[in-house]
C-alpha atoms as a PDB file:
ATOM      1  CA  MET A   1      48.474  31.503 -43.667  1.00  0.00           C
ATOM      2  CA  THR A   2      45.823  29.781 -42.401  1.00  0.00           C
ATOM      3  CA  LEU A   3      43.830  26.536 -43.411  1.00  0.00           C
ATOM      4  CA  LYS A   4      40.642  25.927 -45.300  1.00  0.00           C
ATOM      5  CA  ILE A   5      38.597  22.797 -45.901  1.00  0.00           C
ATOM      6  CA  ILE A   6      37.969  22.097 -49.666  1.00  0.00           C
ATOM      7  CA  ALA A   7      34.042  22.086 -49.339  1.00  0.00           C
ATOM      8  CA  SER A   8      33.514  19.733 -52.311  1.00  0.00           C
ATOM      9  CA  GLN A   9      35.963  16.972 -50.468  1.00  0.00           C
ATOM     10  CA  CYS A  10      34.623  17.439 -47.088  1.00  0.00           C
ATOM     11  CA  THR A  11      32.577  14.155 -46.086  1.00  0.00           C
ATOM     12  CA  SER A  12      31.184  16.000 -42.708  1.00  0.00           C
ATOM     13  CA  CYS A  13      32.710  13.194 -40.972  1.00  0.00           C
ATOM     14  CA  SER A  14      33.516  15.796 -38.038  1.00  0.00           C
ATOM     15  CA  ALA A  15      36.891  14.151 -37.367  1.00  0.00           C
ATOM     16  CA  CYS A  16      38.483  17.525 -37.564  1.00  0.00           C
ATOM     17  CA  GLU A  17      36.416  19.854 -35.180  1.00  0.00           C
ATOM     18  CA  PRO A  18      37.220  18.460 -31.773  1.00  0.00           C
ATOM     19  CA  GLU A  19      41.127  18.225 -32.944  1.00  0.00           C
ATOM     20  CA  CYS A  20      41.493  21.783 -33.296  1.00  0.00           C
ATOM     21  CA  PRO A  21      43.238  23.504 -30.125  1.00  0.00           C
ATOM     22  CA  ASN A  22      41.535  26.710 -31.143  1.00  0.00           C
ATOM     23  CA  VAL A  23      38.197  25.915 -31.686  1.00  0.00           C
ATOM     24  CA  ALA A  24      38.294  27.204 -35.190  1.00  0.00           C
ATOM     25  CA  ILE A  25      36.361  24.274 -36.926  1.00  0.00           C
ATOM     26  CA  SER A  26      32.631  24.492 -37.300  1.00  0.00           C
ATOM     27  CA  GLU A  27      30.050  22.662 -39.043  1.00  0.00           C
ATOM     28  CA  LYS A  28      28.409  25.149 -41.756  1.00  0.00           C
ATOM     29  CA  ASN A  29      25.802  24.002 -44.443  1.00  0.00           C
ATOM     30  CA  GLY A  30      26.595  20.454 -43.966  1.00  0.00           C
ATOM     31  CA  THR A  31      30.195  20.693 -44.384  1.00  0.00           C
ATOM     32  CA  PHE A  32      33.074  22.125 -41.952  1.00  0.00           C
ATOM     33  CA  VAL A  33      35.070  25.327 -42.155  1.00  0.00           C
ATOM     34  CA  ILE A  34      37.981  27.017 -40.705  1.00  0.00           C
ATOM     35  CA  ASP A  35      37.474  30.365 -39.276  1.00  0.00           C
ATOM     36  CA  PRO A  36      40.952  32.175 -40.538  1.00  0.00           C
ATOM     37  CA  LYS A  37      40.682  34.761 -37.506  1.00  0.00           C
ATOM     38  CA  LYS A  38      41.075  31.636 -35.038  1.00  0.00           C
ATOM     39  CA  CYS A  39      43.292  29.309 -37.267  1.00  0.00           C
ATOM     40  CA  THR A  40      47.149  29.034 -36.078  1.00  0.00           C
ATOM     41  CA  GLU A  41      48.135  26.139 -38.171  1.00  0.00           C
ATOM     42  CA  CYS A  42      48.324  24.544 -34.732  1.00  0.00           C
ATOM     43  CA  LEU A  43      51.818  26.376 -34.233  1.00  0.00           C
ATOM     44  CA  GLY A  44      52.640  26.168 -30.644  1.00  0.00           C
ATOM     45  CA  HIS A  45      50.311  23.001 -29.949  1.00  0.00           C
ATOM     46  CA  PHE A  46      51.173  20.458 -32.725  1.00  0.00           C
ATOM     47  CA  ASP A  47      53.837  19.719 -34.958  1.00  0.00           C
ATOM     48  CA  GLU A  48      51.394  19.758 -38.035  1.00  0.00           C
ATOM     49  CA  PRO A  49      47.790  20.977 -38.318  1.00  0.00           C
ATOM     50  CA  GLN A  50      45.419  18.536 -36.659  1.00  0.00           C
ATOM     51  CA  CYS A  51      42.754  18.791 -39.264  1.00  0.00           C
ATOM     52  CA  ALA A  52      44.714  17.820 -41.674  1.00  0.00           C
ATOM     53  CA  ALA A  53      46.158  15.041 -39.810  1.00  0.00           C
ATOM     54  CA  VAL A  54      43.104  13.371 -38.925  1.00  0.00           C
ATOM     55  CA  CYS A  55      41.031  14.155 -42.131  1.00  0.00           C
ATOM     56  CA  PRO A  56      40.146  10.932 -43.705  1.00  0.00           C
ATOM     57  CA  VAL A  57      40.293  12.359 -47.416  1.00  0.00           C
ATOM     58  CA  ASP A  58      43.641  13.354 -48.530  1.00  0.00           C
ATOM     59  CA  ASN A  59      44.366  17.173 -49.593  1.00  0.00           C
ATOM     60  CA  THR A  60      41.078  18.366 -47.797  1.00  0.00           C
ATOM     61  CA  CYS A  61      42.583  20.541 -45.194  1.00  0.00           C
ATOM     62  CA  VAL A  62      44.975  22.890 -47.008  1.00  0.00           C
ATOM     63  CA  ILE A  63      46.911  26.005 -46.616  1.00  0.00           C
ATOM     64  CA  ASP A  64      44.532  29.201 -47.703  1.00  0.00           C
ATOM     65  CA  ASN A  65      46.982  31.605 -49.375  1.00  0.00           C
ATOM     66  CA  SER A  66      44.352  34.406 -49.262  1.00  0.00           C
ATOM     67  CA  PHE A  67      45.278  34.971 -45.701  1.00  0.00           C
ATOM     68  CA  PRO A  68      48.661  35.847 -44.381  1.00  0.00           C
ATOM     69  CA  ARG A  69      50.749  33.283 -42.338  1.00  0.00           C
ATOM     70  CA  TYR A  70      50.045  33.166 -38.922  1.00  0.00           C
ATOM     71  CA  GLN A  71      52.306  35.156 -36.435  1.00  0.00           C
ATOM     72  CA  PRO A  72      52.237  34.492 -32.677  1.00  0.00           C
ATOM     73  CA  PRO A  73      51.840  37.416 -30.437  1.00  0.00           C
ATOM     74  CA  ALA A  74      55.203  38.826 -29.497  1.00  0.00           C
END
């Protein structure tokens, strides 16, 4: 699974964007979005997803169940 940002809760504070080790977060139409092709849930970098850790609004960066869980290359 990858993470997604709930657009209706995003305050566009930009705290998440510089924290992403995969450069998967960008601004789009006034809110931030996560590119599911780049998101690794911070596995291999941090113990928890950094977007969720720094977001000032609880439960804004959440698991997106419409994508399969990230699998690191073998």
